[in-house]
């Protein structure tokens, strides 16, 4: 009887863990979508000539002028030298 209880508990925990993993993956997918939207808006602000493409000068100016972009660069550990590469 004890073995049966242990098996049920293990299966229950495994099922719950599986649901937690799926929920966490879904949350990460949603966060990724929101982050891409936020970056898209930042890039639109940085695109000074509205060409739909960012030049190095626009990136560099954006890093200086747009605080939100500067924060993203800092979080991603990207500095001026990295932008030039």
PDB file of N, CA and C in Angstrom:
ATOM      1  N   UNK A   1       0.827  -1.201   0.000  1.00  0.00           N
ATOM      2  CA  UNK A   1       0.000   0.000   0.000  1.00  0.00           C
ATOM      3  C   UNK A   1       0.870   1.264   0.000  1.00  0.00           C
ATOM      4  N   UNK A   2       1.934   1.223   0.790  1.00  0.00           N
ATOM      5  CA  UNK A   2       2.837   2.374   0.852  1.00  0.00           C
ATOM      6  C   UNK A   2       3.481   2.649  -0.503  1.00  0.00           C
ATOM      7  N   UNK A   3       3.849   1.556  -1.195  1.00  0.00           N
ATOM      8  CA  UNK A   3       4.442   1.724  -2.526  1.00  0.00           C
ATOM      9  C   UNK A   3       3.459   2.393  -3.482  1.00  0.00           C
ATOM     10  N   UNK A   4       2.210   2.036  -3.400  1.00  0.00           N
ATOM     11  CA  UNK A   4       1.187   2.629  -4.251  1.00  0.00           C
ATOM     12  C   UNK A   4       1.060   4.128  -3.971  1.00  0.00           C
ATOM     13  N   UNK A   5       1.070   4.500  -2.703  1.00  0.00           N
ATOM     14  CA  UNK A   5       0.987   5.913  -2.318  1.00  0.00           C
ATOM     15  C   UNK A   5       2.195   6.674  -2.854  1.00  0.00           C
ATOM     16  N   UNK A   6       3.370   6.081  -2.738  1.00  0.00           N
ATOM     17  CA  UNK A   6       4.592   6.724  -3.235  1.00  0.00           C
ATOM     18  C   UNK A   6       4.517   6.913  -4.748  1.00  0.00           C
ATOM     19  N   UNK A   7       4.052   5.903  -5.458  1.00  0.00           N
ATOM     20  CA  UNK A   7       3.928   5.989  -6.921  1.00  0.00           C
ATOM     21  C   UNK A   7       2.962   7.101  -7.304  1.00  0.00           C
ATOM     22  N   UNK A   8       1.834   7.184  -6.651  1.00  0.00           N
ATOM     23  CA  UNK A   8       0.850   8.225  -6.939  1.00  0.00           C
ATOM     24  C   UNK A   8       1.438   9.602  -6.667  1.00  0.00           C
ATOM     25  N   UNK A   9       2.149   9.734  -5.559  1.00  0.00           N
ATOM     26  CA  UNK A   9       2.758  11.025  -5.222  1.00  0.00           C
ATOM     27  C   UNK A   9       3.806  11.424  -6.259  1.00  0.00           C
ATOM     28  N   UNK A  10       4.654  10.494  -6.644  1.00  0.00           N
ATOM     29  CA  UNK A  10       5.700  10.777  -7.628  1.00  0.00           C
ATOM     30  C   UNK A  10       5.064  11.180  -8.963  1.00  0.00           C
ATOM     31  N   UNK A  11       4.042  10.446  -9.390  1.00  0.00           N
ATOM     32  CA  UNK A  11       3.371  10.785 -10.649  1.00  0.00           C
ATOM     33  C   UNK A  11       2.694  12.157 -10.572  1.00  0.00           C
ATOM     34  N   UNK A  12       2.101  12.455  -9.445  1.00  0.00           N
ATOM     35  CA  UNK A  12       1.449  13.754  -9.253  1.00  0.00           C
ATOM     36  C   UNK A  12       2.473  14.876  -9.318  1.00  0.00           C
ATOM     37  N   UNK A  13       3.594  14.692  -8.633  1.00  0.00           N
ATOM     38  CA  UNK A  13       4.644  15.711  -8.661  1.00  0.00           C
ATOM     39  C   UNK A  13       5.234  15.866 -10.058  1.00  0.00           C
ATOM     40  N   UNK A  14       5.428  14.751 -10.760  1.00  0.00           N
ATOM     41  CA  UNK A  14       5.970  14.804 -12.115  1.00  0.00           C
ATOM     42  C   UNK A  14       5.006  15.538 -13.049  1.00  0.00           C
ATOM     43  N   UNK A  15       3.717  15.270 -12.903  1.00  0.00           N
ATOM     44  CA  UNK A  15       2.711  15.943 -13.725  1.00  0.00           C
ATOM     45  C   UNK A  15       2.687  17.444 -13.441  1.00  0.00           C
ATOM     46  N   UNK A  16       2.758  17.800 -12.171  1.00  0.00           N
ATOM     47  CA  UNK A  16       2.754  19.213 -11.791  1.00  0.00           C
ATOM     48  C   UNK A  16       4.006  19.917 -12.310  1.00  0.00           C
ATOM     49  N   UNK A  17       5.128  19.238 -12.213  1.00  0.00           N
ATOM     50  CA  UNK A  17       6.377  19.814 -12.709  1.00  0.00           C
ATOM     51  C   UNK A  17       6.294  20.045 -14.211  1.00  0.00           C
ATOM     52  N   UNK A  18       5.723  19.098 -14.920  1.00  0.00           N
ATOM     53  CA  UNK A  18       5.552  19.229 -16.361  1.00  0.00           C
ATOM     54  C   UNK A  18       4.687  20.440 -16.690  1.00  0.00           C
ATOM     55  N   UNK A  19       3.608  20.628 -15.949  1.00  0.00           N
ATOM     56  CA  UNK A  19       2.747  21.793 -16.160  1.00  0.00           C
ATOM     57  C   UNK A  19       3.492  23.080 -15.854  1.00  0.00           C
ATOM     58  N   UNK A  20       4.297  23.073 -14.797  1.00  0.00           N
ATOM     59  CA  UNK A  20       5.075  24.259 -14.444  1.00  0.00           C
ATOM     60  C   UNK A  20       6.078  24.610 -15.538  1.00  0.00           C
ATOM     61  N   UNK A  21       6.707  23.599 -16.114  1.00  0.00           N
ATOM     62  CA  UNK A  21       7.678  23.827 -17.180  1.00  0.00           C
ATOM     63  C   UNK A  21       6.990  24.418 -18.399  1.00  0.00           C
ATOM     64  N   UNK A  22       5.825  23.884 -18.754  1.00  0.00           N
ATOM     65  CA  UNK A  22       5.076  24.401 -19.904  1.00  0.00           C
ATOM     66  C   UNK A  22       4.639  25.841 -19.639  1.00  0.00           C
ATOM     67  N   UNK A  23       4.155  26.110 -18.436  1.00  0.00           N
ATOM     68  CA  UNK A  23       3.724  27.467 -18.084  1.00  0.00           C
ATOM     69  C   UNK A  23       4.899  28.430 -18.126  1.00  0.00           C
ATOM     70  N   UNK A  24       6.026  27.989 -17.630  1.00  0.00           N
ATOM     71  CA  UNK A  24       7.219  28.853 -17.646  1.00  0.00           C
ATOM     72  C   UNK A  24       7.665  29.130 -19.080  1.00  0.00           C
ATOM     73  N   UNK A  25       7.634  28.112 -19.925  1.00  0.00           N
ATOM     74  CA  UNK A  25       7.990  28.306 -21.337  1.00  0.00           C
ATOM     75  C   UNK A  25       7.029  29.280 -22.005  1.00  0.00           C
ATOM     76  N   UNK A  26       5.742  29.155 -21.706  1.00  0.00           N
ATOM     77  CA  UNK A  26       4.752  30.083 -22.259  1.00  0.00           C
ATOM     78  C   UNK A  26       5.031  31.512 -21.800  1.00  0.00           C
ATOM     79  N   UNK A  27       5.356  31.676 -20.514  1.00  0.00           N
ATOM     80  CA  UNK A  27       5.692  32.999 -19.981  1.00  0.00           C
ATOM     81  C   UNK A  27       6.911  33.573 -20.688  1.00  0.00           C
ATOM     82  N   UNK A  28       7.916  32.736 -20.905  1.00  0.00           N
ATOM     83  CA  UNK A  28       9.132  33.198 -21.587  1.00  0.00           C
ATOM     84  C   UNK A  28       8.823  33.612 -23.019  1.00  0.00           C
ATOM     85  N   UNK A  29       7.944  32.865 -23.699  1.00  0.00           N
ATOM     86  CA  UNK A  29       7.551  33.223 -25.067  1.00  0.00           C
ATOM     87  C   UNK A  29       6.858  34.581 -25.091  1.00  0.00           C
ATOM     88  N   UNK A  30       5.967  34.810 -24.123  1.00  0.00           N
ATOM     89  CA  UNK A  30       5.258  36.092 -24.043  1.00  0.00           C
ATOM     90  C   UNK A  30       6.238  37.228 -23.759  1.00  0.00           C
ATOM     91  N   UNK A  31       7.174  36.996 -22.866  1.00  0.00           N
ATOM     92  CA  UNK A  31       8.171  38.020 -22.551  1.00  0.00           C
ATOM     93  C   UNK A  31       9.019  38.342 -23.779  1.00  0.00           C
ATOM     94  N   UNK A  32       9.394  37.315 -24.532  1.00  0.00           N
ATOM     95  CA  UNK A  32      10.197  37.529 -25.733  1.00  0.00           C
ATOM     96  C   UNK A  32       9.442  38.390 -26.748  1.00  0.00           C
ATOM     97  N   UNK A  33       8.162  38.113 -26.914  1.00  0.00           N
ATOM     98  CA  UNK A  33       7.344  38.889 -27.847  1.00  0.00           C
ATOM     99  C   UNK A  33       7.279  40.347 -27.413  1.00  0.00           C
ATOM    100  N   UNK A  34       7.057  40.583 -26.125  1.00  0.00           N
ATOM    101  CA  UNK A  34       6.984  41.949 -25.600  1.00  0.00           C
ATOM    102  C   UNK A  34       8.324  42.670 -25.747  1.00  0.00           C
ATOM    103  N   UNK A  35       9.415  41.961 -25.491  1.00  0.00           N
ATOM    104  CA  UNK A  35      10.738  42.568 -25.627  1.00  0.00           C
ATOM    105  C   UNK A  35      11.023  42.941 -27.079  1.00  0.00           C
ATOM    106  N   UNK A  36      10.624  42.084 -28.011  1.00  0.00           N
ATOM    107  CA  UNK A  36      10.825  42.387 -29.433  1.00  0.00           C
ATOM    108  C   UNK A  36      10.013  43.614 -29.846  1.00  0.00           C
ATOM    109  N   UNK A  37       8.792  43.721 -29.323  1.00  0.00           N
ATOM    110  CA  UNK A  37       7.970  44.901 -29.619  1.00  0.00           C
ATOM    111  C   UNK A  37       8.640  46.154 -29.076  1.00  0.00           C
ATOM    112  N   UNK A  38       9.135  46.070 -27.849  1.00  0.00           N
ATOM    113  CA  UNK A  38       9.789  47.224 -27.226  1.00  0.00           C
ATOM    114  C   UNK A  38      11.032  47.625 -28.017  1.00  0.00           C
ATOM    115  N   UNK A  39      11.831  46.653 -28.421  1.00  0.00           N
ATOM    116  CA  UNK A  39      13.018  46.962 -29.216  1.00  0.00           C
ATOM    117  C   UNK A  39      12.639  47.534 -30.572  1.00  0.00           C
ATOM    118  N   UNK A  40      11.579  47.023 -31.168  1.00  0.00           N
ATOM    119  CA  UNK A  40      11.121  47.562 -32.450  1.00  0.00           C
ATOM    120  C   UNK A  40      10.763  49.034 -32.338  1.00  0.00           C
ATOM    121  N   UNK A  41      10.093  49.404 -31.252  1.00  0.00           N
ATOM    122  CA  UNK A  41       9.736  50.809 -31.032  1.00  0.00           C
ATOM    123  C   UNK A  41      10.983  51.660 -30.812  1.00  0.00           C
ATOM    124  N   UNK A  42      11.944  51.118 -30.077  1.00  0.00           N
ATOM    125  CA  UNK A  42      13.202  51.848 -29.860  1.00  0.00           C
ATOM    126  C   UNK A  42      13.908  52.055 -31.192  1.00  0.00           C
ATOM    127  N   UNK A  43      13.969  51.003 -32.010  1.00  0.00           N
ATOM    128  CA  UNK A  43      14.647  51.125 -33.302  1.00  0.00           C
ATOM    129  C   UNK A  43      13.944  52.130 -34.205  1.00  0.00           C
ATOM    130  N   UNK A  44      12.621  52.198 -34.141  1.00  0.00           N
ATOM    131  CA  UNK A  44      11.900  53.202 -34.922  1.00  0.00           C
ATOM    132  C   UNK A  44      12.291  54.605 -34.478  1.00  0.00           C
ATOM    133  N   UNK A  45      12.461  54.799 -33.171  1.00  0.00           N
ATOM    134  CA  UNK A  45      12.875  56.116 -32.666  1.00  0.00           C
ATOM    135  C   UNK A  45      14.295  56.456 -33.085  1.00  0.00           C
ATOM    136  N   UNK A  46      15.146  55.451 -33.158  1.00  0.00           N
ATOM    137  CA  UNK A  46      16.553  55.669 -33.498  1.00  0.00           C
ATOM    138  C   UNK A  46      16.735  55.890 -34.997  1.00  0.00           C
ATOM    139  N   UNK A  47      15.855  55.327 -35.816  1.00  0.00           N
ATOM    140  CA  UNK A  47      15.942  55.416 -37.278  1.00  0.00           C
ATOM    141  C   UNK A  47      15.623  56.843 -37.721  1.00  0.00           C
ATOM    142  N   UNK A  48      16.626  57.687 -37.700  1.00  0.00           N
ATOM    143  CA  UNK A  48      16.439  59.127 -37.939  1.00  0.00           C
ATOM    144  C   UNK A  48      15.931  59.450 -39.336  1.00  0.00           C
ATOM    145  N   UNK A  49      16.359  58.670 -40.336  1.00  0.00           N
ATOM    146  CA  UNK A  49      15.926  58.965 -41.704  1.00  0.00           C
ATOM    147  C   UNK A  49      14.706  58.137 -42.130  1.00  0.00           C
ATOM    148  N   UNK A  50      14.127  57.383 -41.199  1.00  0.00           N
ATOM    149  CA  UNK A  50      12.931  56.567 -41.449  1.00  0.00           C
ATOM    150  C   UNK A  50      13.092  55.626 -42.632  1.00  0.00           C
ATOM    151  N   UNK A  51      14.312  55.122 -42.815  1.00  0.00           N
ATOM    152  CA  UNK A  51      14.586  54.214 -43.930  1.00  0.00           C
ATOM    153  C   UNK A  51      14.177  52.775 -43.633  1.00  0.00           C
ATOM    154  N   UNK A  52      13.935  52.477 -42.370  1.00  0.00           N
ATOM    155  CA  UNK A  52      13.638  51.097 -41.993  1.00  0.00           C
ATOM    156  C   UNK A  52      14.880  50.284 -41.711  1.00  0.00           C
ATOM    157  N   UNK A  53      16.032  50.924 -41.863  1.00  0.00           N
ATOM    158  CA  UNK A  53      17.325  50.303 -41.573  1.00  0.00           C
ATOM    159  C   UNK A  53      18.100  51.236 -40.666  1.00  0.00           C
ATOM    160  N   UNK A  54      18.954  50.646 -39.827  1.00  0.00           N
ATOM    161  CA  UNK A  54      19.759  51.461 -38.915  1.00  0.00           C
ATOM    162  C   UNK A  54      21.203  51.484 -39.373  1.00  0.00           C
ATOM    163  N   UNK A  55      21.715  52.681 -39.535  1.00  0.00           N
ATOM    164  CA  UNK A  55      23.129  52.831 -39.854  1.00  0.00           C
ATOM    165  C   UNK A  55      23.921  52.818 -38.553  1.00  0.00           C
ATOM    166  N   UNK A  56      25.235  52.701 -38.693  1.00  0.00           N
ATOM    167  CA  UNK A  56      26.074  52.742 -37.500  1.00  0.00           C
ATOM    168  C   UNK A  56      25.906  54.076 -36.781  1.00  0.00           C
ATOM    169  N   UNK A  57      25.861  55.161 -37.545  1.00  0.00           N
ATOM    170  CA  UNK A  57      25.699  56.490 -36.929  1.00  0.00           C
ATOM    171  C   UNK A  57      24.390  56.579 -36.154  1.00  0.00           C
ATOM    172  N   UNK A  58      23.320  56.021 -36.709  1.00  0.00           N
ATOM    173  CA  UNK A  58      22.039  56.042 -36.007  1.00  0.00           C
ATOM    174  C   UNK A  58      22.102  55.217 -34.717  1.00  0.00           C
ATOM    175  N   UNK A  59      22.769  54.065 -34.772  1.00  0.00           N
ATOM    176  CA  UNK A  59      22.944  53.258 -33.562  1.00  0.00           C
ATOM    177  C   UNK A  59      23.741  54.017 -32.512  1.00  0.00           C
ATOM    178  N   UNK A  60      24.818  54.610 -32.961  1.00  0.00           N
ATOM    179  CA  UNK A  60      25.684  55.349 -32.040  1.00  0.00           C
ATOM    180  C   UNK A  60      24.939  56.543 -31.429  1.00  0.00           C
ATOM    181  N   UNK A  61      24.234  57.292 -32.265  1.00  0.00           N
ATOM    182  CA  UNK A  61      23.457  58.424 -31.755  1.00  0.00           C
ATOM    183  C   UNK A  61      22.340  57.950 -30.829  1.00  0.00           C
ATOM    184  N   UNK A  62      21.703  56.850 -31.201  1.00  0.00           N
ATOM    185  CA  UNK A  62      20.646  56.297 -30.366  1.00  0.00           C
ATOM    186  C   UNK A  62      21.162  55.885 -29.003  1.00  0.00           C
ATOM    187  N   UNK A  63      22.365  55.330 -28.979  1.00  0.00           N
ATOM    188  CA  UNK A  63      22.964  54.915 -27.702  1.00  0.00           C
ATOM    189  C   UNK A  63      23.226  56.128 -26.811  1.00  0.00           C
ATOM    190  N   UNK A  64      23.501  57.248 -27.422  1.00  0.00           N
ATOM    191  CA  UNK A  64      23.742  58.471 -26.642  1.00  0.00           C
ATOM    192  C   UNK A  64      22.446  59.167 -26.236  1.00  0.00           C
ATOM    193  N   UNK A  65      21.465  59.175 -27.138  1.00  0.00           N
ATOM    194  CA  UNK A  65      20.279  60.007 -26.938  1.00  0.00           C
ATOM    195  C   UNK A  65      19.069  59.284 -26.336  1.00  0.00           C
ATOM    196  N   UNK A  66      18.962  57.986 -26.539  1.00  0.00           N
ATOM    197  CA  UNK A  66      17.762  57.254 -26.127  1.00  0.00           C
ATOM    198  C   UNK A  66      18.108  56.384 -24.909  1.00  0.00           C
ATOM    199  N   UNK A  67      17.640  56.845 -23.750  1.00  0.00           N
ATOM    200  CA  UNK A  67      17.995  56.180 -22.490  1.00  0.00           C
ATOM    201  C   UNK A  67      17.570  54.716 -22.480  1.00  0.00           C
ATOM    202  N   UNK A  68      16.395  54.425 -22.994  1.00  0.00           N
ATOM    203  CA  UNK A  68      15.908  53.049 -22.989  1.00  0.00           C
ATOM    204  C   UNK A  68      16.826  52.133 -23.811  1.00  0.00           C
ATOM    205  N   UNK A  69      17.309  52.639 -24.950  1.00  0.00           N
ATOM    206  CA  UNK A  69      18.240  51.869 -25.777  1.00  0.00           C
ATOM    207  C   UNK A  69      19.556  51.666 -25.029  1.00  0.00           C
ATOM    208  N   UNK A  70      20.009  52.710 -24.374  1.00  0.00           N
ATOM    209  CA  UNK A  70      21.245  52.635 -23.580  1.00  0.00           C
ATOM    210  C   UNK A  70      21.110  51.571 -22.481  1.00  0.00           C
ATOM    211  N   UNK A  71      19.943  51.502 -21.852  1.00  0.00           N
ATOM    212  CA  UNK A  71      19.712  50.482 -20.817  1.00  0.00           C
ATOM    213  C   UNK A  71      19.771  49.072 -21.404  1.00  0.00           C
ATOM    214  N   UNK A  72      19.151  48.890 -22.573  1.00  0.00           N
ATOM    215  CA  UNK A  72      19.203  47.584 -23.225  1.00  0.00           C
ATOM    216  C   UNK A  72      20.646  47.197 -23.521  1.00  0.00           C
ATOM    217  N   UNK A  73      21.419  48.136 -24.046  1.00  0.00           N
ATOM    218  CA  UNK A  73      22.814  47.849 -24.350  1.00  0.00           C
ATOM    219  C   UNK A  73      23.571  47.455 -23.093  1.00  0.00           C
ATOM    220  N   UNK A  74      23.296  48.146 -22.001  1.00  0.00           N
ATOM    221  CA  UNK A  74      23.973  47.839 -20.744  1.00  0.00           C
ATOM    222  C   UNK A  74      23.599  46.438 -20.264  1.00  0.00           C
ATOM    223  N   UNK A  75      22.318  46.109 -20.313  1.00  0.00           N
ATOM    224  CA  UNK A  75      21.869  44.778 -19.882  1.00  0.00           C
ATOM    225  C   UNK A  75      22.513  43.691 -20.727  1.00  0.00           C
ATOM    226  N   UNK A  76      22.646  43.953 -22.019  1.00  0.00           N
ATOM    227  CA  UNK A  76      23.245  42.983 -22.934  1.00  0.00           C
ATOM    228  C   UNK A  76      24.768  43.039 -22.936  1.00  0.00           C
ATOM    229  N   UNK A  77      25.336  43.933 -22.110  1.00  0.00           N
ATOM    230  CA  UNK A  77      26.782  44.099 -21.989  1.00  0.00           C
ATOM    231  C   UNK A  77      27.420  44.451 -23.340  1.00  0.00           C
ATOM    232  N   UNK A  78      26.793  45.419 -24.019  1.00  0.00           N
ATOM    233  CA  UNK A  78      27.288  45.900 -25.310  1.00  0.00           C
ATOM    234  C   UNK A  78      27.773  47.323 -25.117  1.00  0.00           C
ATOM    235  N   UNK A  79      29.006  47.585 -25.553  1.00  0.00           N
ATOM    236  CA  UNK A  79      29.531  48.948 -25.455  1.00  0.00           C
ATOM    237  C   UNK A  79      29.828  49.482 -26.856  1.00  0.00           C
ATOM    238  N   UNK A  80      30.393  50.672 -26.912  1.00  0.00           N
ATOM    239  CA  UNK A  80      30.666  51.326 -28.192  1.00  0.00           C
ATOM    240  C   UNK A  80      31.545  50.500 -29.111  1.00  0.00           C
ATOM    241  N   UNK A  81      32.524  49.820 -28.544  1.00  0.00           N
ATOM    242  CA  UNK A  81      33.419  48.972 -29.369  1.00  0.00           C
ATOM    243  C   UNK A  81      32.625  47.835 -30.002  1.00  0.00           C
ATOM    244  N   UNK A  82      31.694  47.284 -29.240  1.00  0.00           N
ATOM    245  CA  UNK A  82      30.877  46.187 -29.775  1.00  0.00           C
ATOM    246  C   UNK A  82      30.002  46.662 -30.929  1.00  0.00           C
ATOM    247  N   UNK A  83      29.494  47.886 -30.838  1.00  0.00           N
ATOM    248  CA  UNK A  83      28.652  48.414 -31.916  1.00  0.00           C
ATOM    249  C   UNK A  83      29.439  48.551 -33.210  1.00  0.00           C
ATOM    250  N   UNK A  84      30.718  48.817 -33.118  1.00  0.00           N
ATOM    251  CA  UNK A  84      31.558  49.007 -34.306  1.00  0.00           C
ATOM    252  C   UNK A  84      31.889  47.700 -35.013  1.00  0.00           C
ATOM    253  N   UNK A  85      31.757  46.576 -34.323  1.00  0.00           N
ATOM    254  CA  UNK A  85      32.146  45.283 -34.914  1.00  0.00           C
ATOM    255  C   UNK A  85      31.138  44.765 -35.872  1.00  0.00           C
TER     256      UNK A  85
END
